[in-house]
PDB file of N, CA and C in Angstrom:
ATOM      1  N   UNK A   1       7.960  -3.799  12.457  1.00  0.00           N
ATOM      2  CA  UNK A   1       8.508  -4.595  11.381  1.00  0.00           C
ATOM      3  C   UNK A   1       8.585  -3.756  10.111  1.00  0.00           C
ATOM      4  N   UNK A   2       9.735  -3.459   9.611  1.00  0.00           N
ATOM      5  CA  UNK A   2       9.789  -2.684   8.367  1.00  0.00           C
ATOM      6  C   UNK A   2       9.541  -3.557   7.140  1.00  0.00           C
ATOM      7  N   UNK A   3       8.669  -3.076   6.280  1.00  0.00           N
ATOM      8  CA  UNK A   3       8.451  -3.712   4.991  1.00  0.00           C
ATOM      9  C   UNK A   3       8.743  -2.677   3.917  1.00  0.00           C
ATOM     10  N   UNK A   4       9.061  -3.150   2.735  1.00  0.00           N
ATOM     11  CA  UNK A   4       9.292  -2.258   1.606  1.00  0.00           C
ATOM     12  C   UNK A   4       7.966  -2.043   0.892  1.00  0.00           C
ATOM     13  N   UNK A   5       7.639  -0.793   0.632  1.00  0.00           N
ATOM     14  CA  UNK A   5       6.422  -0.459  -0.104  1.00  0.00           C
ATOM     15  C   UNK A   5       6.842   0.169  -1.425  1.00  0.00           C
ATOM     16  N   UNK A   6       6.420  -0.445  -2.520  1.00  0.00           N
ATOM     17  CA  UNK A   6       6.723   0.066  -3.858  1.00  0.00           C
ATOM     18  C   UNK A   6       5.538   0.881  -4.351  1.00  0.00           C
ATOM     19  N   UNK A   7       5.825   2.121  -4.676  1.00  0.00           N
ATOM     20  CA  UNK A   7       4.771   3.060  -5.069  1.00  0.00           C
ATOM     21  C   UNK A   7       4.708   3.224  -6.582  1.00  0.00           C
ATOM     22  N   UNK A   8       3.496   3.327  -7.131  1.00  0.00           N
ATOM     23  CA  UNK A   8       3.391   3.617  -8.560  1.00  0.00           C
ATOM     24  C   UNK A   8       3.769   5.073  -8.819  1.00  0.00           C
ATOM     25  N   UNK A   9       4.104   5.369 -10.034  1.00  0.00           N
ATOM     26  CA  UNK A   9       4.543   6.712 -10.407  1.00  0.00           C
ATOM     27  C   UNK A   9       3.576   7.788  -9.932  1.00  0.00           C
ATOM     28  N   UNK A  10       2.288   7.548 -10.054  1.00  0.00           N
ATOM     29  CA  UNK A  10       1.293   8.566  -9.708  1.00  0.00           C
ATOM     30  C   UNK A  10       1.292   8.924  -8.222  1.00  0.00           C
ATOM     31  N   UNK A  11       1.753   8.031  -7.352  1.00  0.00           N
ATOM     32  CA  UNK A  11       1.780   8.315  -5.913  1.00  0.00           C
ATOM     33  C   UNK A  11       3.136   8.813  -5.417  1.00  0.00           C
ATOM     34  N   UNK A  12       4.133   8.722  -6.237  1.00  0.00           N
ATOM     35  CA  UNK A  12       5.485   9.106  -5.793  1.00  0.00           C
ATOM     36  C   UNK A  12       5.583  10.576  -5.421  1.00  0.00           C
ATOM     37  N   UNK A  13       4.842  11.422  -6.088  1.00  0.00           N
ATOM     38  CA  UNK A  13       4.880  12.858  -5.770  1.00  0.00           C
ATOM     39  C   UNK A  13       4.414  13.112  -4.344  1.00  0.00           C
ATOM     40  N   UNK A  14       3.583  12.217  -3.808  1.00  0.00           N
ATOM     41  CA  UNK A  14       3.075  12.371  -2.443  1.00  0.00           C
ATOM     42  C   UNK A  14       4.001  11.746  -1.405  1.00  0.00           C
ATOM     43  N   UNK A  15       5.083  11.138  -1.872  1.00  0.00           N
ATOM     44  CA  UNK A  15       6.050  10.501  -0.973  1.00  0.00           C
ATOM     45  C   UNK A  15       7.453  11.037  -1.239  1.00  0.00           C
ATOM     46  N   UNK A  16       7.532  12.311  -1.525  1.00  0.00           N
ATOM     47  CA  UNK A  16       8.830  12.934  -1.741  1.00  0.00           C
ATOM     48  C   UNK A  16       9.553  12.451  -2.978  1.00  0.00           C
ATOM     49  N   UNK A  17       8.808  11.921  -3.951  1.00  0.00           N
ATOM     50  CA  UNK A  17       9.411  11.452  -5.192  1.00  0.00           C
ATOM     51  C   UNK A  17      10.017  10.069  -5.116  1.00  0.00           C
ATOM     52  N   UNK A  18       9.877   9.404  -3.984  1.00  0.00           N
ATOM     53  CA  UNK A  18      10.492   8.091  -3.793  1.00  0.00           C
ATOM     54  C   UNK A  18       9.677   6.980  -4.461  1.00  0.00           C
ATOM     55  N   UNK A  19      10.369   6.035  -5.083  1.00  0.00           N
ATOM     56  CA  UNK A  19       9.717   4.878  -5.695  1.00  0.00           C
ATOM     57  C   UNK A  19       9.453   3.786  -4.669  1.00  0.00           C
ATOM     58  N   UNK A  20      10.311   3.693  -3.661  1.00  0.00           N
ATOM     59  CA  UNK A  20      10.127   2.717  -2.585  1.00  0.00           C
ATOM     60  C   UNK A  20      10.341   3.410  -1.252  1.00  0.00           C
ATOM     61  N   UNK A  21       9.554   2.996  -0.272  1.00  0.00           N
ATOM     62  CA  UNK A  21       9.668   3.533   1.080  1.00  0.00           C
ATOM     63  C   UNK A  21       9.559   2.375   2.060  1.00  0.00           C
ATOM     64  N   UNK A  22       9.959   2.605   3.286  1.00  0.00           N
ATOM     65  CA  UNK A  22       9.825   1.608   4.352  1.00  0.00           C
ATOM     66  C   UNK A  22       8.678   2.025   5.258  1.00  0.00           C
ATOM     67  N   UNK A  23       7.916   1.039   5.711  1.00  0.00           N
ATOM     68  CA  UNK A  23       6.827   1.300   6.652  1.00  0.00           C
ATOM     69  C   UNK A  23       6.744   0.130   7.618  1.00  0.00           C
ATOM     70  N   UNK A  24       6.189   0.391   8.793  1.00  0.00           N
ATOM     71  CA  UNK A  24       6.096  -0.623   9.840  1.00  0.00           C
ATOM     72  C   UNK A  24       4.662  -1.055  10.057  1.00  0.00           C
ATOM     73  N   UNK A  25       4.500  -2.303  10.488  1.00  0.00           N
ATOM     74  CA  UNK A  25       3.183  -2.801  10.848  1.00  0.00           C
ATOM     75  C   UNK A  25       3.138  -4.310  10.835  1.00  0.00           C
ATOM     76  N   UNK A  26       2.180  -4.854  11.578  1.00  0.00           N
ATOM     77  CA  UNK A  26       1.981  -6.301  11.621  1.00  0.00           C
ATOM     78  C   UNK A  26       1.000  -6.755  10.543  1.00  0.00           C
ATOM     79  N   UNK A  27       0.151  -5.816  10.090  1.00  0.00           N
ATOM     80  CA  UNK A  27      -0.805  -6.108   9.020  1.00  0.00           C
ATOM     81  C   UNK A  27      -0.661  -5.056   7.930  1.00  0.00           C
ATOM     82  N   UNK A  28      -1.246  -5.343   6.793  1.00  0.00           N
ATOM     83  CA  UNK A  28      -1.211  -4.384   5.693  1.00  0.00           C
ATOM     84  C   UNK A  28      -1.872  -3.068   6.100  1.00  0.00           C
ATOM     85  N   UNK A  29      -2.953  -3.144   6.855  1.00  0.00           N
ATOM     86  CA  UNK A  29      -3.611  -1.927   7.342  1.00  0.00           C
ATOM     87  C   UNK A  29      -2.691  -1.093   8.209  1.00  0.00           C
ATOM     88  N   UNK A  30      -1.917  -1.762   9.076  1.00  0.00           N
ATOM     89  CA  UNK A  30      -0.946  -1.055   9.912  1.00  0.00           C
ATOM     90  C   UNK A  30       0.120  -0.379   9.055  1.00  0.00           C
ATOM     91  N   UNK A  31       0.568  -1.084   8.023  1.00  0.00           N
ATOM     92  CA  UNK A  31       1.594  -0.534   7.125  1.00  0.00           C
ATOM     93  C   UNK A  31       1.070   0.729   6.445  1.00  0.00           C
ATOM     94  N   UNK A  32      -0.171   0.687   5.950  1.00  0.00           N
ATOM     95  CA  UNK A  32      -0.728   1.867   5.292  1.00  0.00           C
ATOM     96  C   UNK A  32      -0.953   3.006   6.280  1.00  0.00           C
ATOM     97  N   UNK A  33      -1.303   2.685   7.514  1.00  0.00           N
ATOM     98  CA  UNK A  33      -1.452   3.732   8.534  1.00  0.00           C
ATOM     99  C   UNK A  33      -0.104   4.396   8.800  1.00  0.00           C
ATOM    100  N   UNK A  34       0.962   3.600   8.889  1.00  0.00           N
ATOM    101  CA  UNK A  34       2.297   4.156   9.105  1.00  0.00           C
ATOM    102  C   UNK A  34       2.731   4.979   7.896  1.00  0.00           C
ATOM    103  N   UNK A  35       2.423   4.488   6.720  1.00  0.00           N
ATOM    104  CA  UNK A  35       2.764   5.212   5.493  1.00  0.00           C
ATOM    105  C   UNK A  35       2.085   6.583   5.472  1.00  0.00           C
ATOM    106  N   UNK A  36       0.831   6.632   5.892  1.00  0.00           N
ATOM    107  CA  UNK A  36       0.098   7.895   5.935  1.00  0.00           C
ATOM    108  C   UNK A  36       0.659   8.833   7.002  1.00  0.00           C
ATOM    109  N   UNK A  37       1.134   8.278   8.109  1.00  0.00           N
ATOM    110  CA  UNK A  37       1.780   9.126   9.128  1.00  0.00           C
ATOM    111  C   UNK A  37       3.054   9.754   8.568  1.00  0.00           C
ATOM    112  N   UNK A  38       3.814   8.965   7.816  1.00  0.00           N
ATOM    113  CA  UNK A  38       5.058   9.478   7.241  1.00  0.00           C
ATOM    114  C   UNK A  38       4.804  10.464   6.103  1.00  0.00           C
ATOM    115  N   UNK A  39       3.791  10.164   5.309  1.00  0.00           N
ATOM    116  CA  UNK A  39       3.495  10.961   4.112  1.00  0.00           C
ATOM    117  C   UNK A  39       2.003  11.309   4.107  1.00  0.00           C
ATOM    118  N   UNK A  40       1.615  12.357   4.834  1.00  0.00           N
ATOM    119  CA  UNK A  40       0.190  12.701   4.967  1.00  0.00           C
ATOM    120  C   UNK A  40      -0.539  12.906   3.641  1.00  0.00           C
ATOM    121  N   UNK A  41       0.182  13.295   2.590  1.00  0.00           N
ATOM    122  CA  UNK A  41      -0.470  13.504   1.296  1.00  0.00           C
ATOM    123  C   UNK A  41      -0.984  12.209   0.671  1.00  0.00           C
ATOM    124  N   UNK A  42      -0.553  11.057   1.195  1.00  0.00           N
ATOM    125  CA  UNK A  42      -1.049   9.775   0.689  1.00  0.00           C
ATOM    126  C   UNK A  42      -2.407   9.403   1.281  1.00  0.00           C
ATOM    127  N   UNK A  43      -2.838  10.137   2.291  1.00  0.00           N
ATOM    128  CA  UNK A  43      -4.109   9.828   2.961  1.00  0.00           C
ATOM    129  C   UNK A  43      -5.251   9.782   1.950  1.00  0.00           C
ATOM    130  N   UNK A  44      -6.020   8.712   1.987  1.00  0.00           N
ATOM    131  CA  UNK A  44      -7.180   8.563   1.125  1.00  0.00           C
ATOM    132  C   UNK A  44      -6.896   8.116  -0.288  1.00  0.00           C
ATOM    133  N   UNK A  45      -5.646   7.912  -0.636  1.00  0.00           N
ATOM    134  CA  UNK A  45      -5.322   7.556  -2.013  1.00  0.00           C
ATOM    135  C   UNK A  45      -5.222   6.057  -2.249  1.00  0.00           C
ATOM    136  N   UNK A  46      -5.040   5.280  -1.189  1.00  0.00           N
ATOM    137  CA  UNK A  46      -4.993   3.824  -1.308  1.00  0.00           C
ATOM    138  C   UNK A  46      -6.122   3.202  -0.483  1.00  0.00           C
ATOM    139  N   UNK A  47      -6.310   3.737   0.716  1.00  0.00           N
ATOM    140  CA  UNK A  47      -7.354   3.250   1.621  1.00  0.00           C
ATOM    141  C   UNK A  47      -8.434   4.328   1.728  1.00  0.00           C
ATOM    142  N   UNK A  48      -9.692   3.917   1.617  1.00  0.00           N
ATOM    143  CA  UNK A  48     -10.809   4.860   1.687  1.00  0.00           C
ATOM    144  C   UNK A  48     -11.017   5.350   3.114  1.00  0.00           C
ATOM    145  N   UNK A  49     -11.838   6.381   3.256  1.00  0.00           N
ATOM    146  CA  UNK A  49     -12.191   6.879   4.588  1.00  0.00           C
ATOM    147  C   UNK A  49     -12.920   5.817   5.400  1.00  0.00           C
ATOM    148  N   UNK A  50     -13.569   4.881   4.712  1.00  0.00           N
ATOM    149  CA  UNK A  50     -14.285   3.799   5.384  1.00  0.00           C
ATOM    150  C   UNK A  50     -13.350   2.672   5.821  1.00  0.00           C
ATOM    151  N   UNK A  51     -12.083   2.770   5.432  1.00  0.00           N
ATOM    152  CA  UNK A  51     -11.106   1.769   5.845  1.00  0.00           C
ATOM    153  C   UNK A  51     -11.017   0.552   4.945  1.00  0.00           C
ATOM    154  N   UNK A  52     -11.363   0.716   3.676  1.00  0.00           N
ATOM    155  CA  UNK A  52     -11.224  -0.367   2.708  1.00  0.00           C
ATOM    156  C   UNK A  52     -10.280   0.080   1.596  1.00  0.00           C
ATOM    157  N   UNK A  53      -9.766  -0.874   0.848  1.00  0.00           N
ATOM    158  CA  UNK A  53      -8.903  -0.527  -0.280  1.00  0.00           C
ATOM    159  C   UNK A  53      -9.735   0.104  -1.388  1.00  0.00           C
ATOM    160  N   UNK A  54      -9.190   1.148  -1.997  1.00  0.00           N
ATOM    161  CA  UNK A  54      -9.854   1.741  -3.157  1.00  0.00           C
ATOM    162  C   UNK A  54      -9.940   0.694  -4.260  1.00  0.00           C
ATOM    163  N   UNK A  55     -11.005   0.764  -5.040  1.00  0.00           N
ATOM    164  CA  UNK A  55     -11.202  -0.196  -6.126  1.00  0.00           C
ATOM    165  C   UNK A  55     -10.234   0.024  -7.284  1.00  0.00           C
ATOM    166  N   UNK A  56      -9.680   1.228  -7.386  1.00  0.00           N
ATOM    167  CA  UNK A  56      -8.816   1.523  -8.526  1.00  0.00           C
ATOM    168  C   UNK A  56      -7.341   1.234  -8.265  1.00  0.00           C
ATOM    169  N   UNK A  57      -7.037   0.579  -7.151  1.00  0.00           N
ATOM    170  CA  UNK A  57      -5.660   0.157  -6.900  1.00  0.00           C
ATOM    171  C   UNK A  57      -5.635  -1.342  -6.626  1.00  0.00           C
ATOM    172  N   UNK A  58      -4.564  -1.973  -7.046  1.00  0.00           N
ATOM    173  CA  UNK A  58      -4.311  -3.373  -6.727  1.00  0.00           C
ATOM    174  C   UNK A  58      -3.118  -3.400  -5.790  1.00  0.00           C
ATOM    175  N   UNK A  59      -3.207  -4.221  -4.754  1.00  0.00           N
ATOM    176  CA  UNK A  59      -2.139  -4.298  -3.766  1.00  0.00           C
ATOM    177  C   UNK A  59      -1.689  -5.749  -3.651  1.00  0.00           C
ATOM    178  N   UNK A  60      -0.382  -5.923  -3.656  1.00  0.00           N
ATOM    179  CA  UNK A  60       0.217  -7.253  -3.569  1.00  0.00           C
ATOM    180  C   UNK A  60       1.207  -7.289  -2.417  1.00  0.00           C
ATOM    181  N   UNK A  61       1.230  -8.405  -1.708  1.00  0.00           N
ATOM    182  CA  UNK A  61       2.266  -8.668  -0.711  1.00  0.00           C
ATOM    183  C   UNK A  61       3.060  -9.846  -1.250  1.00  0.00           C
ATOM    184  N   UNK A  62       4.314  -9.596  -1.576  1.00  0.00           N
ATOM    185  CA  UNK A  62       5.171 -10.637  -2.157  1.00  0.00           C
ATOM    186  C   UNK A  62       4.501 -11.315  -3.352  1.00  0.00           C
ATOM    187  N   UNK A  63       3.944 -10.527  -4.243  1.00  0.00           N
ATOM    188  CA  UNK A  63       3.307 -10.991  -5.475  1.00  0.00           C
ATOM    189  C   UNK A  63       1.964 -11.682  -5.280  1.00  0.00           C
ATOM    190  N   UNK A  64       1.430 -11.704  -4.051  1.00  0.00           N
ATOM    191  CA  UNK A  64       0.110 -12.278  -3.795  1.00  0.00           C
ATOM    192  C   UNK A  64      -0.916 -11.152  -3.686  1.00  0.00           C
ATOM    193  N   UNK A  65      -1.973 -11.233  -4.470  1.00  0.00           N
ATOM    194  CA  UNK A  65      -3.029 -10.227  -4.479  1.00  0.00           C
ATOM    195  C   UNK A  65      -3.788 -10.281  -3.156  1.00  0.00           C
ATOM    196  N   UNK A  66      -3.792  -9.178  -2.411  1.00  0.00           N
ATOM    197  CA  UNK A  66      -4.405  -9.173  -1.078  1.00  0.00           C
ATOM    198  C   UNK A  66      -5.922  -9.319  -1.131  1.00  0.00           C
ATOM    199  N   UNK A  67      -6.533  -9.099  -2.303  1.00  0.00           N
ATOM    200  CA  UNK A  67      -7.983  -9.319  -2.412  1.00  0.00           C
ATOM    201  C   UNK A  67      -8.325 -10.783  -2.180  1.00  0.00           C
ATOM    202  N   UNK A  68      -7.365 -11.674  -2.449  1.00  0.00           N
ATOM    203  CA  UNK A  68      -7.589 -13.110  -2.267  1.00  0.00           C
ATOM    204  C   UNK A  68      -6.968 -13.610  -0.971  1.00  0.00           C
ATOM    205  N   UNK A  69      -6.426 -12.704  -0.194  1.00  0.00           N
ATOM    206  CA  UNK A  69      -5.891 -13.034   1.126  1.00  0.00           C
ATOM    207  C   UNK A  69      -6.853 -12.431   2.145  1.00  0.00           C
ATOM    208  N   UNK A  70      -6.340 -11.653   3.068  1.00  0.00           N
ATOM    209  CA  UNK A  70      -7.187 -11.047   4.096  1.00  0.00           C
ATOM    210  C   UNK A  70      -7.296  -9.533   3.946  1.00  0.00           C
ATOM    211  N   UNK A  71      -7.140  -9.051   2.728  1.00  0.00           N
ATOM    212  CA  UNK A  71      -7.219  -7.616   2.432  1.00  0.00           C
ATOM    213  C   UNK A  71      -6.335  -6.819   3.396  1.00  0.00           C
ATOM    214  N   UNK A  72      -6.874  -5.834   4.092  1.00  0.00           N
ATOM    215  CA  UNK A  72      -6.048  -5.007   4.982  1.00  0.00           C
ATOM    216  C   UNK A  72      -5.614  -5.745   6.241  1.00  0.00           C
ATOM    217  N   UNK A  73      -6.220  -6.883   6.521  1.00  0.00           N
ATOM    218  CA  UNK A  73      -5.819  -7.690   7.679  1.00  0.00           C
ATOM    219  C   UNK A  73      -4.717  -8.689   7.328  1.00  0.00           C
ATOM    220  N   UNK A  74      -4.255  -8.677   6.086  1.00  0.00           N
ATOM    221  CA  UNK A  74      -3.173  -9.563   5.667  1.00  0.00           C
ATOM    222  C   UNK A  74      -1.944  -9.302   6.522  1.00  0.00           C
ATOM    223  N   UNK A  75      -1.385 -10.360   7.091  1.00  0.00           N
ATOM    224  CA  UNK A  75      -0.193 -10.248   7.935  1.00  0.00           C
ATOM    225  C   UNK A  75       1.025  -9.972   7.064  1.00  0.00           C
ATOM    226  N   UNK A  76       1.927  -9.149   7.583  1.00  0.00           N
ATOM    227  CA  UNK A  76       3.195  -8.881   6.911  1.00  0.00           C
ATOM    228  C   UNK A  76       4.329  -9.131   7.893  1.00  0.00           C
ATOM    229  N   UNK A  77       5.503  -9.397   7.350  1.00  0.00           N
ATOM    230  CA  UNK A  77       6.676  -9.682   8.173  1.00  0.00           C
ATOM    231  C   UNK A  77       7.855  -8.873   7.652  1.00  0.00           C
ATOM    232  N   UNK A  78       8.908  -8.827   8.462  1.00  0.00           N
ATOM    233  CA  UNK A  78      10.127  -8.128   8.055  1.00  0.00           C
ATOM    234  C   UNK A  78      10.526  -8.547   6.647  1.00  0.00           C
ATOM    235  N   UNK A  79      10.935  -7.587   5.877  1.00  0.00           N
ATOM    236  CA  UNK A  79      11.446  -7.796   4.523  1.00  0.00           C
ATOM    237  C   UNK A  79      10.395  -8.206   3.499  1.00  0.00           C
ATOM    238  N   UNK A  80       9.101  -8.208   3.875  1.00  0.00           N
ATOM    239  CA  UNK A  80       8.069  -8.410   2.861  1.00  0.00           C
ATOM    240  C   UNK A  80       8.071  -7.204   1.926  1.00  0.00           C
ATOM    241  N   UNK A  81       7.542  -7.409   0.736  1.00  0.00           N
ATOM    242  CA  UNK A  81       7.430  -6.331  -0.245  1.00  0.00           C
ATOM    243  C   UNK A  81       5.955  -6.114  -0.560  1.00  0.00           C
ATOM    244  N   UNK A  82       5.501  -4.883  -0.361  1.00  0.00           N
ATOM    245  CA  UNK A  82       4.131  -4.485  -0.687  1.00  0.00           C
ATOM    246  C   UNK A  82       4.200  -3.649  -1.958  1.00  0.00           C
ATOM    247  N   UNK A  83       3.465  -4.069  -2.969  1.00  0.00           N
ATOM    248  CA  UNK A  83       3.434  -3.332  -4.237  1.00  0.00           C
ATOM    249  C   UNK A  83       2.042  -2.765  -4.452  1.00  0.00           C
ATOM    250  N   UNK A  84       1.988  -1.483  -4.760  1.00  0.00           N
ATOM    251  CA  UNK A  84       0.728  -0.811  -5.069  1.00  0.00           C
ATOM    252  C   UNK A  84       0.738  -0.523  -6.565  1.00  0.00           C
ATOM    253  N   UNK A  85      -0.286  -1.010  -7.252  1.00  0.00           N
ATOM    254  CA  UNK A  85      -0.372  -0.808  -8.694  1.00  0.00           C
ATOM    255  C   UNK A  85      -1.715  -0.194  -9.043  1.00  0.00           C
ATOM    256  N   UNK A  86      -1.724   0.796  -9.923  1.00  0.00           N
ATOM    257  CA  UNK A  86      -3.011   1.334 -10.354  1.00  0.00           C
ATOM    258  C   UNK A  86      -3.737   0.299 -11.206  1.00  0.00           C
ATOM    259  N   UNK A  87      -5.043   0.202 -11.015  1.00  0.00           N
ATOM    260  CA  UNK A  87      -5.843  -0.710 -11.831  1.00  0.00           C
ATOM    261  C   UNK A  87      -5.897  -0.168 -13.255  1.00  0.00           C
ATOM    262  N   UNK A  88      -5.864  -1.068 -14.217  1.00  0.00           N
ATOM    263  CA  UNK A  88      -5.894  -0.679 -15.620  1.00  0.00           C
ATOM    264  C   UNK A  88      -7.147  -1.276 -16.244  1.00  0.00           C
ATOM    265  N   UNK A  89      -7.878  -0.445 -16.938  1.00  0.00           N
ATOM    266  CA  UNK A  89      -9.080  -0.922 -17.624  1.00  0.00           C
ATOM    267  C   UNK A  89      -9.092  -0.335 -19.026  1.00  0.00           C
ATOM    268  N   UNK A  90      -9.757  -0.979 -19.878  1.00  0.00           N
ATOM    269  CA  UNK A  90      -9.830  -0.471 -21.233  1.00  0.00           C
ATOM    270  C   UNK A  90     -10.823  -1.281 -22.041  1.00  0.00           C
ATOM    271  N   UNK A  91     -10.933  -0.911 -23.249  1.00  0.00           N
ATOM    272  CA  UNK A  91     -11.893  -1.666 -24.039  1.00  0.00           C
ATOM    273  C   UNK A  91     -11.779  -1.375 -25.485  1.00  0.00           C
TER     274      UNK A  91
END
């Protein structure tokens, strides 16, 4: 199932400069695994070696924050949009 993955500026250099890419999978974890197969330089930048999402990125599937869904087990379907956003903090 191809989904659209929108990459933040900081990760685009690891995906050939592309702002959006297509990846396949039934779950968000599958999509990130496919993304890493296509673009090996993305390895470890969104998903940790332990298989969890990094704390410094926010991930949305169709504008829904996956932290409040099933995280990497969140189901995805054709034409879903996955957005990766860097976390912003300040004070």
